[in-house]
Amino acid sequence: KTCPSHHTEVYAGVMAGQHYIRRGGMVDYLCAPLDPEFLDPVSGHQSLLNIISKVEYETFTSQKWKDLQQHEAPCVVCQRPAQGSNE
């Protein structure tokens, strides 16, 4: 979970996506920050239909990866340097 050389780390986090038991939501994963900011919270009861969940390793059938069982999958968001113009 490091950026390539000459790239700047924007933030590190954990992979997130739709909960495995839910259907009809997001397909791709995203990199969620470890300390999210809720800048515009909405009071009251919120629907549970589209929940974003952290991604965890499920390795219980593999002896090789057993130490990763139930650990969160890390990620990092990187910014590449500005590219020059061809004009």
C-alpha atoms as a PDB file:
ATOM      1  CA  LYS A   1       0.000   0.000   0.000  1.00  0.00           C
ATOM      2  CA  THR A   2       2.577   2.466  -1.137  1.00  0.00           C
ATOM      3  CA  CYS A   3       2.613   4.842  -4.073  1.00  0.00           C
ATOM      4  CA  PRO A   4       4.904   4.384  -7.065  1.00  0.00           C
ATOM      5  CA  SER A   5       8.012   6.555  -7.196  1.00  0.00           C
ATOM      6  CA  HIS A   6       7.384  10.223  -8.032  1.00  0.00           C
ATOM      7  CA  HIS A   7       3.756   9.942  -6.897  1.00  0.00           C
ATOM      8  CA  THR A   8       2.323  11.628  -3.793  1.00  0.00           C
ATOM      9  CA  GLU A   9       0.192   9.778  -1.249  1.00  0.00           C
ATOM     10  CA  VAL A  10      -3.154  11.531  -0.802  1.00  0.00           C
ATOM     11  CA  TYR A  11      -4.336   9.172   1.937  1.00  0.00           C
ATOM     12  CA  ALA A  12      -4.135   5.572   3.092  1.00  0.00           C
ATOM     13  CA  GLY A  13      -7.233   3.619   3.944  1.00  0.00           C
ATOM     14  CA  VAL A  14      -9.078   0.343   3.625  1.00  0.00           C
ATOM     15  CA  MET A  15     -10.858  -1.132   0.645  1.00  0.00           C
ATOM     16  CA  ALA A  16     -14.635  -0.865   0.797  1.00  0.00           C
ATOM     17  CA  GLY A  17     -17.580  -2.051  -1.241  1.00  0.00           C
ATOM     18  CA  GLN A  18     -21.026  -3.528  -1.074  1.00  0.00           C
ATOM     19  CA  HIS A  19     -21.582  -6.068   1.694  1.00  0.00           C
ATOM     20  CA  TYR A  20     -21.340  -9.588   0.265  1.00  0.00           C
ATOM     21  CA  ILE A  21     -24.870 -10.496   1.334  1.00  0.00           C
ATOM     22  CA  ARG A  22     -26.515  -7.500  -0.395  1.00  0.00           C
ATOM     23  CA  ARG A  23     -27.546  -7.377  -4.060  1.00  0.00           C
ATOM     24  CA  GLY A  24     -27.988  -4.614  -6.606  1.00  0.00           C
ATOM     25  CA  GLY A  25     -25.413  -2.103  -5.389  1.00  0.00           C
ATOM     26  CA  MET A  26     -21.907  -1.085  -6.297  1.00  0.00           C
ATOM     27  CA  VAL A  27     -19.621  -3.369  -8.281  1.00  0.00           C
ATOM     28  CA  ASP A  28     -16.205  -1.750  -7.944  1.00  0.00           C
ATOM     29  CA  TYR A  29     -14.223  -1.298  -4.765  1.00  0.00           C
ATOM     30  CA  LEU A  30     -13.155   2.075  -3.440  1.00  0.00           C
ATOM     31  CA  CYS A  31     -10.431   3.169  -1.054  1.00  0.00           C
ATOM     32  CA  ALA A  32     -12.154   4.526   2.051  1.00  0.00           C
ATOM     33  CA  PRO A  33     -10.179   6.763   4.407  1.00  0.00           C
ATOM     34  CA  LEU A  34      -9.474   5.465   7.910  1.00  0.00           C
ATOM     35  CA  ASP A  35     -10.952   8.628   9.421  1.00  0.00           C
ATOM     36  CA  PRO A  36     -13.885   9.729   7.222  1.00  0.00           C
ATOM     37  CA  GLU A  37     -15.439  13.157   7.687  1.00  0.00           C
ATOM     38  CA  PHE A  38     -19.215  13.412   7.561  1.00  0.00           C
ATOM     39  CA  LEU A  39     -19.529  17.024   6.428  1.00  0.00           C
ATOM     40  CA  ASP A  40     -23.278  17.076   5.809  1.00  0.00           C
ATOM     41  CA  PRO A  41     -24.934  14.519   8.108  1.00  0.00           C
ATOM     42  CA  VAL A  42     -28.688  13.913   7.853  1.00  0.00           C
ATOM     43  CA  SER A  43     -30.563  13.380  11.092  1.00  0.00           C
ATOM     44  CA  GLY A  44     -33.150  10.652  11.531  1.00  0.00           C
ATOM     45  CA  HIS A  45     -33.395   7.051  10.370  1.00  0.00           C
ATOM     46  CA  GLN A  46     -31.444   6.227   7.227  1.00  0.00           C
ATOM     47  CA  SER A  47     -32.192   3.381   4.844  1.00  0.00           C
ATOM     48  CA  LEU A  48     -29.980   0.293   5.115  1.00  0.00           C
ATOM     49  CA  LEU A  49     -30.296  -0.590   1.439  1.00  0.00           C
ATOM     50  CA  ASN A  50     -26.939   0.742   0.239  1.00  0.00           C
ATOM     51  CA  ILE A  51     -24.315   0.158   2.882  1.00  0.00           C
ATOM     52  CA  ILE A  52     -20.607   0.451   2.159  1.00  0.00           C
ATOM     53  CA  SER A  53     -18.628  -2.137   4.122  1.00  0.00           C
ATOM     54  CA  LYS A  54     -14.927  -2.598   4.708  1.00  0.00           C
ATOM     55  CA  VAL A  55     -13.336  -5.445   2.778  1.00  0.00           C
ATOM     56  CA  GLU A  56     -11.827  -8.202   4.925  1.00  0.00           C
ATOM     57  CA  TYR A  57      -9.731 -11.160   3.916  1.00  0.00           C
ATOM     58  CA  GLU A  58     -11.536 -14.510   4.167  1.00  0.00           C
ATOM     59  CA  THR A  59      -8.712 -17.045   4.198  1.00  0.00           C
ATOM     60  CA  PHE A  60     -10.004 -19.736   6.556  1.00  0.00           C
ATOM     61  CA  THR A  61      -9.518 -22.432   3.900  1.00  0.00           C
ATOM     62  CA  SER A  62      -5.884 -21.509   3.204  1.00  0.00           C
ATOM     63  CA  GLN A  63      -3.049 -22.392   5.571  1.00  0.00           C
ATOM     64  CA  LYS A  64      -0.694 -20.151   3.601  1.00  0.00           C
ATOM     65  CA  TRP A  65      -2.759 -16.995   4.248  1.00  0.00           C
ATOM     66  CA  LYS A  66      -4.381 -17.902   7.589  1.00  0.00           C
ATOM     67  CA  ASP A  67      -2.787 -14.924   9.388  1.00  0.00           C
ATOM     68  CA  LEU A  68      -4.789 -12.555   7.175  1.00  0.00           C
ATOM     69  CA  GLN A  69      -8.170 -14.008   8.186  1.00  0.00           C
ATOM     70  CA  GLN A  70     -10.635 -11.205   9.035  1.00  0.00           C
ATOM     71  CA  HIS A  71      -8.010  -8.469   8.519  1.00  0.00           C
ATOM     72  CA  GLU A  72      -8.981  -5.380   6.534  1.00  0.00           C
ATOM     73  CA  ALA A  73      -7.587  -4.994   3.007  1.00  0.00           C
ATOM     74  CA  PRO A  74      -5.372  -1.876   2.939  1.00  0.00           C
ATOM     75  CA  CYS A  75      -5.232   0.606   0.071  1.00  0.00           C
ATOM     76  CA  VAL A  76      -3.699   3.948  -0.796  1.00  0.00           C
ATOM     77  CA  VAL A  77      -4.807   6.811  -3.044  1.00  0.00           C
ATOM     78  CA  CYS A  78      -1.921   8.339  -4.982  1.00  0.00           C
ATOM     79  CA  GLN A  79      -1.570  11.464  -7.084  1.00  0.00           C
ATOM     80  CA  ARG A  80       0.755  11.365 -10.036  1.00  0.00           C
ATOM     81  CA  PRO A  81       2.827  14.386 -11.013  1.00  0.00           C
ATOM     82  CA  ALA A  82       1.334  16.823 -13.521  1.00  0.00           C
ATOM     83  CA  GLN A  83       2.096  15.881 -17.096  1.00  0.00           C
ATOM     84  CA  GLY A  84       3.612  18.404 -19.485  1.00  0.00           C
ATOM     85  CA  SER A  85       1.612  19.850 -22.364  1.00  0.00           C
ATOM     86  CA  ASN A  86       2.330  18.858 -25.966  1.00  0.00           C
ATOM     87  CA  GLU A  87       1.288  22.256 -27.330  1.00  0.00           C
END
